[in-house]
Protein backbone atom coordinates (compact mmCIF):
# COMPACT_ATOMS: atom_id res chain seq x y z
CA MET A 1 -46.81 -19.01 0.56
CA PRO A 2 -44.61 -20.74 3.85
CA ALA A 3 -42.66 -22.75 1.02
CA LEU A 4 -41.86 -19.51 -0.84
CA ARG A 5 -41.47 -17.72 2.45
CA THR A 6 -38.63 -20.79 2.98
CA SER A 7 -37.30 -20.26 -0.57
CA VAL A 8 -36.51 -16.70 -0.72
CA PHE A 9 -34.78 -17.59 3.29
CA ALA A 10 -32.94 -20.02 1.66
CA LEU A 11 -32.16 -17.97 -1.33
CA THR A 12 -30.87 -14.83 0.86
CA THR A 13 -28.64 -17.11 3.23
CA LEU A 14 -26.94 -18.61 0.36
CA LEU A 15 -26.26 -15.15 -1.22
CA LEU A 16 -24.96 -13.85 2.21
CA ALA A 17 -23.12 -16.79 2.65
CA GLY A 18 -21.55 -16.65 -0.59
CA SER A 19 -20.36 -13.01 0.02
CA LEU A 20 -18.75 -13.90 3.58
CA ALA A 21 -17.24 -16.81 2.74
CA SER A 22 -13.91 -15.20 2.76
CA CYS A 23 -14.11 -12.81 5.60
CA SER A 24 -15.66 -13.65 8.58
CA ARG A 25 -17.85 -10.49 10.59
CA ASN A 26 -17.65 -9.85 14.28
CA ASP A 27 -20.54 -9.31 16.82
CA HIS A 28 -20.90 -5.89 15.00
CA GLY A 29 -20.76 -7.18 11.50
CA LEU A 30 -17.33 -5.33 10.83
CA PRO A 31 -14.62 -7.97 8.93
CA ASP A 32 -12.47 -9.75 11.10
CA PHE A 33 -8.97 -10.24 9.00
CA ALA A 34 -7.74 -12.59 11.14
CA ASP A 35 -8.15 -15.95 9.16
CA LEU A 36 -6.97 -14.10 5.99
CA VAL A 37 -4.11 -12.46 7.89
CA GLU A 38 -3.21 -15.89 9.11
CA LYS A 39 -3.68 -17.60 5.49
CA ASN A 40 -1.81 -15.17 3.79
CA SER A 41 0.90 -14.23 5.72
CA PRO A 42 3.27 -16.33 4.59
CA SER A 43 3.09 -15.28 0.99
CA VAL A 44 4.76 -11.90 2.32
CA VAL A 45 8.24 -11.52 3.02
CA ASN A 46 10.75 -8.87 4.42
CA ILE A 47 13.60 -7.19 2.73
CA SER A 48 17.21 -6.19 3.86
CA THR A 49 19.52 -4.72 2.04
CA VAL A 50 23.28 -4.09 1.71
CA ALA A 51 24.07 -0.81 0.13
CA SER A 52 26.81 -0.55 -2.60
CA GLU A 53 30.23 0.36 -1.27
CA GLN A 54 30.53 3.47 -3.73
CA VAL A 55 27.03 4.71 -2.57
CA SER A 56 23.72 3.31 -0.79
CA VAL A 57 21.42 6.02 -2.90
CA ALA A 58 22.34 8.06 -5.70
CA PRO A 59 22.23 11.67 -4.88
CA GLU A 60 20.09 12.55 -8.68
CA ALA A 61 18.34 9.45 -7.47
CA ASP A 62 17.79 10.40 -3.73
CA GLU A 63 16.19 13.46 -4.81
CA GLN A 64 13.45 11.62 -6.70
CA ASN A 65 12.48 9.45 -3.51
CA PRO A 66 9.56 10.26 -1.47
CA GLU A 67 10.41 12.69 1.02
CA TRP A 68 9.39 9.83 4.15
CA PHE A 69 11.64 7.15 2.65
CA ARG A 70 14.72 9.88 2.07
CA ARG A 71 13.67 10.46 5.91
CA PHE A 72 13.75 6.77 6.70
CA LEU A 73 17.09 6.24 4.93
CA GLU A 74 19.19 8.85 7.10
CA GLU A 75 17.63 7.78 10.16
CA HIS A 76 18.59 3.73 9.61
CA ALA A 77 22.03 4.93 7.34
CA PRO A 78 24.82 1.99 7.64
CA PRO A 79 27.78 2.84 9.55
CA GLY A 80 29.80 5.36 7.87
CA GLN A 81 26.71 6.94 5.69
CA GLY A 82 25.07 9.05 8.39
CA GLY A 83 24.58 9.47 11.93
CA ASP A 84 27.07 9.57 14.42
CA GLU A 85 29.08 6.01 13.95
CA PRO A 86 32.61 6.00 13.19
CA ALA A 87 33.93 6.16 9.65
CA GLU A 88 36.04 3.12 10.10
CA GLU A 89 33.05 0.67 10.85
CA ALA A 90 31.73 1.35 7.29
CA ASP A 91 33.80 -1.78 6.02
CA VAL A 92 31.76 -4.24 7.58
CA PRO A 93 28.67 -4.17 5.83
CA GLN A 94 25.62 -4.13 7.48
CA ALA A 95 22.18 -5.56 6.32
CA GLU A 96 19.69 -2.72 6.60
CA PRO A 97 15.61 -3.45 7.03
CA LEU A 98 13.85 -1.88 3.93
CA GLY A 99 10.96 -2.82 2.49
CA SER A 100 8.46 -5.67 1.80
CA GLY A 101 7.32 -7.49 -0.86
CA PHE A 102 5.71 -10.79 -1.48
CA VAL A 103 5.85 -13.72 -3.73
CA LEU A 104 4.23 -13.49 -6.96
CA TRP A 105 5.08 -16.70 -8.46
CA GLU A 106 6.32 -20.14 -6.22
CA GLU A 107 9.28 -20.68 -8.78
CA GLY A 108 10.79 -18.08 -6.10
CA TYR A 109 10.21 -14.57 -7.80
CA VAL A 110 8.96 -11.70 -5.31
CA LEU A 111 7.40 -8.54 -6.37
CA THR A 112 8.53 -5.01 -4.52
CA ASN A 113 9.15 -1.89 -4.67
CA TYR A 114 12.20 -0.18 -7.19
CA HIS A 115 13.47 2.33 -4.00
CA VAL A 116 13.36 -0.63 -1.79
CA VAL A 117 16.00 -2.18 -3.61
CA GLN A 118 17.60 1.20 -5.61
CA GLY A 119 21.29 1.25 -4.97
CA ALA A 120 21.91 -2.24 -3.18
CA ARG A 121 24.72 -4.43 -3.88
CA GLU A 122 23.68 -7.00 -2.34
CA VAL A 123 18.92 -7.75 -1.55
CA ILE A 124 17.99 -10.46 1.75
CA VAL A 125 14.38 -11.39 1.43
CA ARG A 126 13.09 -13.00 4.86
CA LEU A 127 10.18 -15.58 5.36
CA MET A 128 7.69 -15.79 7.57
CA ASP A 129 9.69 -19.17 8.86
CA ARG A 130 12.35 -16.84 9.23
CA ARG A 131 14.53 -18.51 6.53
CA GLN A 132 16.67 -16.18 4.70
CA PHE A 133 17.88 -16.01 1.16
CA THR A 134 20.01 -13.66 -0.76
CA ALA A 135 17.84 -12.48 -3.87
CA ARG A 136 18.73 -11.82 -7.33
CA ILE A 137 17.31 -8.79 -8.81
CA VAL A 138 15.79 -9.87 -11.96
CA GLY A 139 14.94 -6.60 -14.01
CA THR A 140 13.55 -3.13 -12.30
CA ASP A 141 11.31 -0.17 -13.53
CA LYS A 142 12.08 2.92 -12.52
CA SER A 143 8.94 4.49 -14.15
CA THR A 144 6.34 2.26 -12.37
CA ASP A 145 9.04 1.84 -8.75
CA LEU A 146 8.72 -1.73 -9.40
CA ALA A 147 11.60 -4.59 -8.91
CA LEU A 148 11.09 -8.44 -9.62
CA LEU A 149 13.27 -10.33 -7.10
CA LYS A 150 14.25 -14.40 -7.54
CA VAL A 151 15.57 -16.80 -5.04
CA ASP A 152 16.38 -20.34 -5.05
CA ALA A 153 13.81 -21.00 -2.11
CA LYS A 154 11.37 -24.51 -1.99
CA GLY A 155 7.66 -24.55 -0.59
CA LEU A 156 7.14 -21.08 -1.51
CA LYS A 157 3.27 -19.86 -1.31
CA ALA A 158 2.23 -17.55 -3.86
CA VAL A 159 -0.29 -14.90 -3.11
CA LYS A 160 -3.55 -15.02 -5.38
CA ILE A 161 -3.71 -11.89 -7.75
CA GLY A 162 -7.45 -10.18 -7.85
CA ASP A 163 -9.10 -7.95 -10.35
CA THR A 164 -8.62 -4.21 -9.45
CA ARG A 165 -11.41 -3.29 -12.06
CA LYS A 166 -13.72 -4.82 -9.45
CA LEU A 167 -12.07 -2.52 -6.57
CA ARG A 168 -14.91 0.19 -5.13
CA PRO A 169 -14.10 3.27 -3.42
CA GLY A 170 -15.53 2.26 -0.03
CA GLN A 171 -14.85 -1.41 0.31
CA TRP A 172 -12.40 -2.80 2.96
CA VAL A 173 -8.49 -3.47 2.05
CA PHE A 174 -5.84 -4.40 3.92
CA ALA A 175 -1.70 -4.50 4.22
CA ILE A 176 0.62 -6.81 5.63
CA GLY A 177 4.40 -5.29 5.82
CA SER A 178 7.35 -4.16 8.57
CA PRO A 179 6.72 -0.99 9.14
CA PHE A 180 9.40 0.54 10.94
CA THR A 181 11.24 -3.29 11.05
CA PHE A 182 8.00 -4.54 12.77
CA ASP A 183 7.82 -7.55 10.92
CA TYR A 184 4.20 -8.82 9.65
CA SER A 185 2.38 -5.99 10.97
CA VAL A 186 -1.06 -5.93 9.90
CA THR A 187 -3.54 -2.57 9.12
CA ALA A 188 -6.73 -2.18 7.34
CA GLY A 189 -9.00 0.53 5.79
CA ILE A 190 -10.97 1.20 3.03
CA VAL A 191 -10.11 2.24 -1.12
CA SER A 192 -10.81 6.30 -0.29
CA ALA A 193 -10.02 6.11 -4.91
CA LYS A 194 -9.32 4.75 -7.84
CA GLY A 195 -6.97 5.96 -10.36
CA ARG A 196 -4.72 8.43 -8.84
CA ASN A 197 -2.37 10.28 -10.51
CA LEU A 198 1.25 10.91 -8.96
CA GLN A 199 4.34 13.15 -11.05
CA SER A 200 6.22 10.41 -9.30
CA GLU A 201 5.01 7.70 -11.77
CA GLN A 202 3.12 8.80 -14.44
CA TYR A 203 2.34 5.60 -15.67
CA VAL A 204 0.57 4.41 -12.76
CA PRO A 205 -3.56 4.62 -11.92
CA PHE A 206 -3.13 4.26 -7.86
CA ILE A 207 -5.32 3.04 -5.60
CA GLN A 208 -5.63 5.43 -2.76
CA THR A 209 -6.37 4.56 0.39
CA ASP A 210 -6.67 5.04 4.46
CA VAL A 211 -4.64 1.85 5.37
CA ALA A 212 -1.98 3.08 7.70
CA ILE A 213 1.74 2.29 5.84
CA ASN A 214 5.18 3.85 6.85
CA PRO A 215 8.43 3.19 5.88
CA GLY A 216 8.96 -0.58 5.67
CA ASN A 217 5.87 -1.13 4.35
CA SER A 218 6.81 -0.37 0.57
CA GLY A 219 6.51 -2.82 -1.50
CA GLY A 220 4.54 -5.08 0.74
CA PRO A 221 0.92 -6.38 -0.85
CA LEU A 222 -2.62 -4.95 -0.24
CA PHE A 223 -5.78 -7.39 0.07
CA ASN A 224 -8.97 -7.26 -0.77
CA LEU A 225 -11.34 -9.80 1.63
CA ASP A 226 -11.20 -11.92 -0.62
CA GLY A 227 -7.05 -12.66 0.21
CA GLU A 228 -6.41 -11.49 -3.04
CA VAL A 229 -3.73 -9.08 -3.72
CA VAL A 230 -5.25 -5.72 -5.47
CA GLY A 231 -2.28 -3.42 -5.22
CA ILE A 232 1.23 -2.85 -4.03
CA ASN A 233 1.45 -0.32 -0.97
CA SER A 234 4.14 2.08 -2.28
CA GLN A 235 3.66 5.77 -1.33
CA ILE A 236 1.84 7.70 1.32
CA TYR A 237 1.07 11.81 1.37
CA SER A 238 3.25 13.06 4.05
CA GLN A 239 4.32 16.53 6.33
CA SER A 240 5.78 14.54 8.86
CA GLY A 241 7.42 11.46 7.25
CA SER A 242 4.56 9.49 8.89
CA PHE A 243 1.67 8.17 7.67
CA GLN A 244 -1.20 10.89 7.99
CA GLY A 245 -4.35 9.12 6.47
CA VAL A 246 -3.18 8.89 2.65
CA SER A 247 -1.40 5.58 1.07
CA PHE A 248 -1.15 4.80 -2.28
CA SER A 249 -0.59 1.46 -3.83
CA ILE A 250 0.10 0.40 -7.45
CA PRO A 251 -2.59 -1.62 -8.66
CA ILE A 252 -1.91 -5.24 -9.50
CA ASP A 253 -2.88 -5.51 -13.01
CA VAL A 254 -0.09 -3.08 -13.90
CA ALA A 255 2.63 -4.55 -11.70
CA ALA A 256 2.00 -7.75 -13.04
CA LYS A 257 1.98 -6.61 -16.25
CA VAL A 258 5.31 -5.05 -15.86
CA ALA A 259 6.73 -8.05 -13.62
CA ARG A 260 5.92 -10.84 -16.17
CA GLN A 261 7.91 -8.22 -18.78
CA LEU A 262 10.77 -8.15 -16.31
CA ARG A 263 10.74 -11.95 -15.88
CA ASP A 264 10.79 -13.08 -19.54
CA THR A 265 12.62 -10.13 -21.46
CA GLY A 266 14.26 -8.01 -18.51
CA LYS A 267 12.77 -5.22 -19.31
CA VAL A 268 9.51 -3.52 -20.06
CA THR A 269 7.97 -1.98 -23.40
CA ARG A 270 5.60 0.53 -22.98
CA GLY A 271 2.86 2.34 -25.13
CA TRP A 272 3.34 5.98 -26.93
CA LEU A 273 1.26 7.88 -28.44
CA GLY A 274 3.42 10.93 -28.80
CA VAL A 275 1.67 13.84 -27.25
CA VAL A 276 2.37 16.35 -24.46
CA VAL A 277 -0.59 17.28 -22.40
CA GLN A 278 -2.29 19.08 -20.23
CA GLU A 279 -5.37 19.34 -17.70
CA VAL A 280 -8.43 21.04 -18.96
CA ASP A 281 -9.99 24.49 -16.34
CA ARG A 282 -12.86 25.99 -16.83
CA ASN A 283 -11.31 28.91 -18.29
CA LEU A 284 -9.62 26.60 -21.13
CA ALA A 285 -13.01 24.13 -21.38
CA GLN A 286 -14.48 27.81 -21.95
CA SER A 287 -12.29 29.21 -24.73
CA PHE A 288 -12.24 25.85 -26.34
CA GLY A 289 -16.31 25.94 -26.67
CA MET A 290 -16.23 22.72 -24.42
CA ASP A 291 -19.08 22.48 -21.81
CA LYS A 292 -17.21 21.40 -18.97
CA PRO A 293 -13.36 20.87 -18.10
CA GLU A 294 -12.75 17.19 -19.28
CA GLY A 295 -9.78 15.67 -21.35
CA ALA A 296 -6.59 15.45 -22.15
CA LEU A 297 -5.31 19.08 -23.87
CA VAL A 298 -2.64 18.28 -26.44
CA SER A 299 -0.14 21.35 -26.23
CA ARG A 300 2.40 19.40 -28.11
CA VAL A 301 2.98 16.87 -30.89
CA MET A 302 6.42 14.86 -31.10
CA PRO A 303 7.87 14.84 -34.52
CA SER A 304 7.22 11.24 -36.04
CA SER A 305 5.16 10.34 -33.71
CA PRO A 306 1.88 8.45 -34.15
CA ALA A 307 -0.11 11.00 -32.67
CA GLU A 308 1.81 13.34 -35.87
CA GLU A 309 1.09 10.67 -38.65
CA THR A 310 -2.48 9.93 -37.44
CA GLY A 311 -2.77 13.71 -37.86
CA ILE A 312 -3.75 14.65 -33.99
CA LYS A 313 -2.76 18.95 -33.82
CA PRO A 314 -1.97 20.60 -30.59
CA GLY A 315 -5.33 22.26 -29.52
CA ASP A 316 -6.97 19.08 -29.63
CA VAL A 317 -8.62 17.57 -26.83
CA ILE A 318 -8.76 13.82 -26.22
CA LEU A 319 -11.66 12.92 -24.08
CA SER A 320 -11.44 9.17 -24.65
CA PHE A 321 -8.47 6.71 -25.34
CA ASN A 322 -9.96 3.45 -26.74
CA GLY A 323 -13.55 3.79 -25.17
CA GLU A 324 -11.87 4.81 -21.63
CA PRO A 325 -13.08 8.41 -20.77
CA LEU A 326 -10.19 11.15 -19.42
CA PRO A 327 -11.86 12.57 -16.74
CA THR A 328 -8.52 14.46 -16.66
CA SER A 329 -5.04 14.96 -18.44
CA GLY A 330 -3.59 12.55 -15.79
CA SER A 331 -5.53 9.52 -16.70
CA LEU A 332 -3.96 9.08 -20.62
CA PRO A 333 -0.39 8.20 -19.76
CA PRO A 334 -0.95 5.35 -17.75
CA LEU A 335 -3.71 3.94 -21.12
CA VAL A 336 -1.63 4.47 -23.38
CA GLY A 337 1.77 2.97 -21.86
CA SER A 338 -0.20 0.04 -20.85
CA VAL A 339 -1.48 -0.89 -24.30
CA ASP A 340 0.97 -3.31 -26.40
CA PRO A 341 3.12 -1.37 -29.11
CA GLY A 342 1.54 -2.15 -32.45
CA GLN A 343 -2.22 -2.20 -31.52
CA ILE A 344 -4.41 0.25 -33.16
CA VAL A 345 -6.92 2.17 -30.47
CA SER A 346 -9.34 5.02 -31.28
CA LEU A 347 -9.20 7.82 -29.95
CA ASN A 348 -12.41 10.45 -29.45
CA ILE A 349 -11.26 14.34 -30.08
CA VAL A 350 -12.66 18.12 -29.57
CA ARG A 351 -11.40 19.83 -32.00
CA ASP A 352 -12.75 23.54 -32.84
CA GLY A 353 -15.21 22.57 -30.79
CA LYS A 354 -16.30 19.26 -33.12
CA PRO A 355 -16.34 15.83 -32.00
CA ILE A 356 -13.54 14.03 -34.31
CA GLU A 357 -12.19 10.21 -33.95
CA PHE A 358 -8.96 8.57 -34.95
CA LYS A 359 -7.70 5.09 -35.03
CA VAL A 360 -3.75 5.28 -33.85
CA GLU A 361 -1.59 2.35 -33.92
CA ILE A 362 0.25 3.17 -30.97
CA GLY A 363 4.10 3.04 -31.03
CA VAL A 364 7.14 2.04 -28.55
CA LEU A 365 7.98 4.37 -25.87
CA ASP A 366 11.62 5.55 -25.87
CA GLU A 367 12.70 5.71 -22.03
CA SER A 368 15.64 7.84 -22.76
CA ASP A 369 13.61 10.24 -24.67
CA ALA A 370 10.97 10.71 -21.82
CA GLY A 371 12.30 12.77 -18.98
CA PRO A 372 11.87 16.67 -18.98
CA ASP A 373 12.70 19.18 -21.17
CA PRO A 374 16.03 20.36 -19.94
CA GLU A 375 16.59 23.69 -18.40
CA VAL A 376 16.77 27.26 -20.29
CA PRO A 377 18.24 30.25 -18.14
CA LYS A 378 15.11 32.54 -17.68
CA SER A 379 16.07 36.11 -18.99
CA PRO A 380 15.02 39.20 -16.28
CA PRO A 381 12.12 40.58 -17.14
CA PRO A 382 11.91 44.01 -18.14
CA ARG A 383 10.48 46.70 -16.10
CA VAL A 384 9.18 49.14 -18.75
CA GLU A 385 5.59 48.90 -18.94
CA PRO A 386 4.21 48.80 -22.91
CA PRO A 387 2.59 51.12 -24.53
CA ARG A 388 -0.97 51.72 -23.95
CA ASP A 389 -2.37 50.80 -27.35
CA ALA A 390 0.24 47.62 -27.42
CA PRO A 391 -2.80 44.36 -28.13
CA ILE A 392 -3.63 42.62 -25.00
CA GLY A 393 -1.25 44.35 -22.97
CA LEU A 394 1.76 42.99 -24.60
CA VAL A 395 4.83 43.88 -26.81
CA VAL A 396 5.88 41.03 -28.93
CA SER A 397 9.49 40.97 -31.41
CA PRO A 398 10.38 38.34 -33.95
CA LEU A 399 12.33 35.57 -32.98
CA THR A 400 16.51 35.26 -33.44
CA ASP A 401 17.95 32.17 -34.85
CA GLU A 402 20.34 32.27 -31.63
CA GLN A 403 16.61 32.77 -29.83
CA ARG A 404 15.00 30.17 -31.44
CA ARG A 405 17.87 27.30 -30.71
CA THR A 406 17.75 28.29 -27.22
CA LEU A 407 14.05 27.85 -26.51
CA ARG A 408 13.54 25.40 -29.16
CA VAL A 409 11.32 27.01 -31.04
CA LEU A 410 11.03 25.58 -34.40
CA SER A 411 8.91 28.05 -36.94
CA GLY A 412 6.93 30.42 -36.10
CA GLY A 413 6.59 32.07 -33.08
CA VAL A 414 6.85 35.78 -31.00
CA ARG A 415 8.67 36.82 -27.91
CA VAL A 416 6.97 38.90 -25.76
CA GLU A 417 9.45 41.49 -24.57
CA GLN A 418 6.83 43.66 -22.37
CA VAL A 419 3.73 42.62 -20.27
CA SER A 420 1.55 45.55 -19.04
CA SER A 421 0.55 44.48 -15.46
CA GLY A 422 -3.38 45.23 -16.24
CA GLY A 423 -4.05 43.83 -19.57
CA PRO A 424 -5.67 40.48 -20.45
CA GLY A 425 -1.85 38.78 -21.26
CA PHE A 426 -1.01 39.53 -18.02
CA ALA A 427 -4.65 37.94 -16.65
CA ALA A 428 -3.98 35.16 -18.66
CA GLY A 429 -0.36 34.37 -17.49
CA VAL A 430 1.71 35.67 -20.09
CA ARG A 431 5.44 37.07 -18.99
CA PRO A 432 8.54 38.43 -20.41
CA GLY A 433 10.50 35.54 -22.30
CA ASP A 434 7.51 33.49 -22.87
CA VAL A 435 7.07 32.67 -26.71
CA ILE A 436 3.71 33.21 -27.86
CA LEU A 437 2.86 30.40 -31.07
CA THR A 438 -0.97 30.64 -31.80
CA ILE A 439 -4.01 32.32 -31.20
CA ALA A 440 -7.11 31.24 -31.20
CA GLY A 441 -5.84 28.49 -33.44
CA GLN A 442 -4.13 31.05 -35.71
CA GLU A 443 -0.55 30.80 -36.21
CA VAL A 444 1.22 34.05 -35.58
CA ASN A 445 4.98 34.77 -36.64
CA SER A 446 5.49 38.36 -36.62
CA ARG A 447 4.38 41.55 -35.04
CA GLU A 448 1.96 42.41 -37.71
CA ARG A 449 0.33 39.04 -38.06
CA PHE A 450 -0.06 39.34 -33.75
CA ALA A 451 -1.31 42.66 -33.93
CA ASP A 452 -3.72 41.12 -36.79
CA VAL A 453 -4.84 37.95 -35.16
CA VAL A 454 -5.97 40.06 -32.05
CA ARG A 455 -7.48 42.89 -33.84
CA GLN A 456 -9.77 40.20 -35.63
CA LEU A 457 -10.88 38.08 -32.26
CA THR A 458 -14.31 38.85 -30.55
CA PRO A 459 -14.80 41.02 -27.96
CA GLY A 460 -15.85 39.27 -24.51
CA ALA A 461 -15.03 35.50 -25.98
CA THR A 462 -12.20 33.70 -24.28
CA VAL A 463 -10.01 32.26 -26.76
CA PRO A 464 -7.01 29.76 -26.68
CA MET A 465 -3.39 30.94 -26.50
CA LEU A 466 -0.49 28.64 -27.08
CA VAL A 467 2.55 30.16 -25.35
CA SER A 468 6.10 28.06 -25.07
CA ARG A 469 8.22 28.74 -21.69
CA ASP A 470 11.88 27.53 -21.67
CA GLY A 471 10.56 25.28 -24.64
CA ALA A 472 7.80 23.77 -23.15
CA PRO A 473 4.16 24.60 -24.98
CA SER A 474 1.17 24.97 -23.16
CA PHE A 475 -2.11 26.46 -23.50
CA PHE A 476 -3.23 29.97 -21.40
CA PRO A 477 -7.08 31.53 -21.62
CA LEU A 478 -7.20 34.13 -22.99
CA GLU A 479 -10.01 36.92 -21.67
CA LEU A 480 -10.60 39.59 -24.08
CA PRO A 481 -12.38 42.36 -22.82
CA PRO A 482 -15.63 43.66 -23.92
CA ALA A 483 -16.40 46.22 -26.91
CA GLY A 484 -15.53 49.40 -25.15
CA GLY A 485 -13.61 48.34 -21.87
CA GLY A 486 -10.18 49.26 -23.53
């Protein structure tokens, strides 16, 4: 027994020593980051920019930046571009410290955020040893908010790249950066969640942490307790412009793939499926006969896309992509974008309550077509209540050729003219000017067809209704009144 106890003790000690090898602990068992910070700080850089003489940040681009970053730009505007400085001093360019970055490869490649160098005429990279270099912008990727820089410098120390897949909520992480120009500031916290989807960058499954991130931290590295970079600090969620406990980092696997493409080809190529998807809520899940809300509901299939050629249809619910479950619709774009064009992937889909598996060859995303649909002028809703016998409380009319062009409806559909405020259509979210394309999977293209489809619906059921609003189709859950309920 003593020999057994000794062996168990030795094994336990060995495992504990291995787990603490990269990060020591203090007397209270909490991580001590000092050695990791000292070891990794030389790989972190401060980034300053000299704004373009024409404009520092284009107004339309400025609107796409986070609110806190816009405030930071205003507070640190160069002479002649804001504040109380006289305009005649504007011809003397000033390098403004705007963010952080880190050495990704020892050959002089530095990774940072796109919004840090956006609109810059000159980019200055400063190392921990106080050396400064003018950097060349190798390439940028607006969709992931990343930029790859190149400096001609010797003796650079590259970071170690971690495996984001092994990162778990609750694990300790820390950041090194230059918040509010305070160089090499260290902040620490834990991973709050993984796979967060933000509208600003739909191809990035963000890491959410409670690490304090402020203006100037952007582009800096997020480290794990092994001293490996697992993310790039990019955004915060704030109502004040400063840190409020929620920050987001770009996973390093996403960033490294983008950086390699920028280095090798100068551009980023993404996979393309060719669908527009929406969230599945409880009511929509019920209307599609699903047990729970999950997956990505296909509301539109793009013409001549891989999805169309495979046979995917509006109303299909994609539950998994190449074996990866889709808890929400926002989980799909980063998975598709990360796939190399030409690769064949599997899709698990629910159609009419039945599971189907598709094999799809992923295409190439054309970034010029990835933006939102243009605005369409809205017609004011009529104030006249529809007659009491209007099906589901809606009065509809066929579309004219002009309306089809304006509303971008190629075929089928009826335009909603009037909506009863107490009817099922109104409760579903339908409004005047909308175009109803299908109800319960049945196409409608005339008043008569609309009334006929509604008449065949089961009282008390909830069915999906595909509606196009301002040229963008989406599904609405239509809850029908029970028999005898009016």
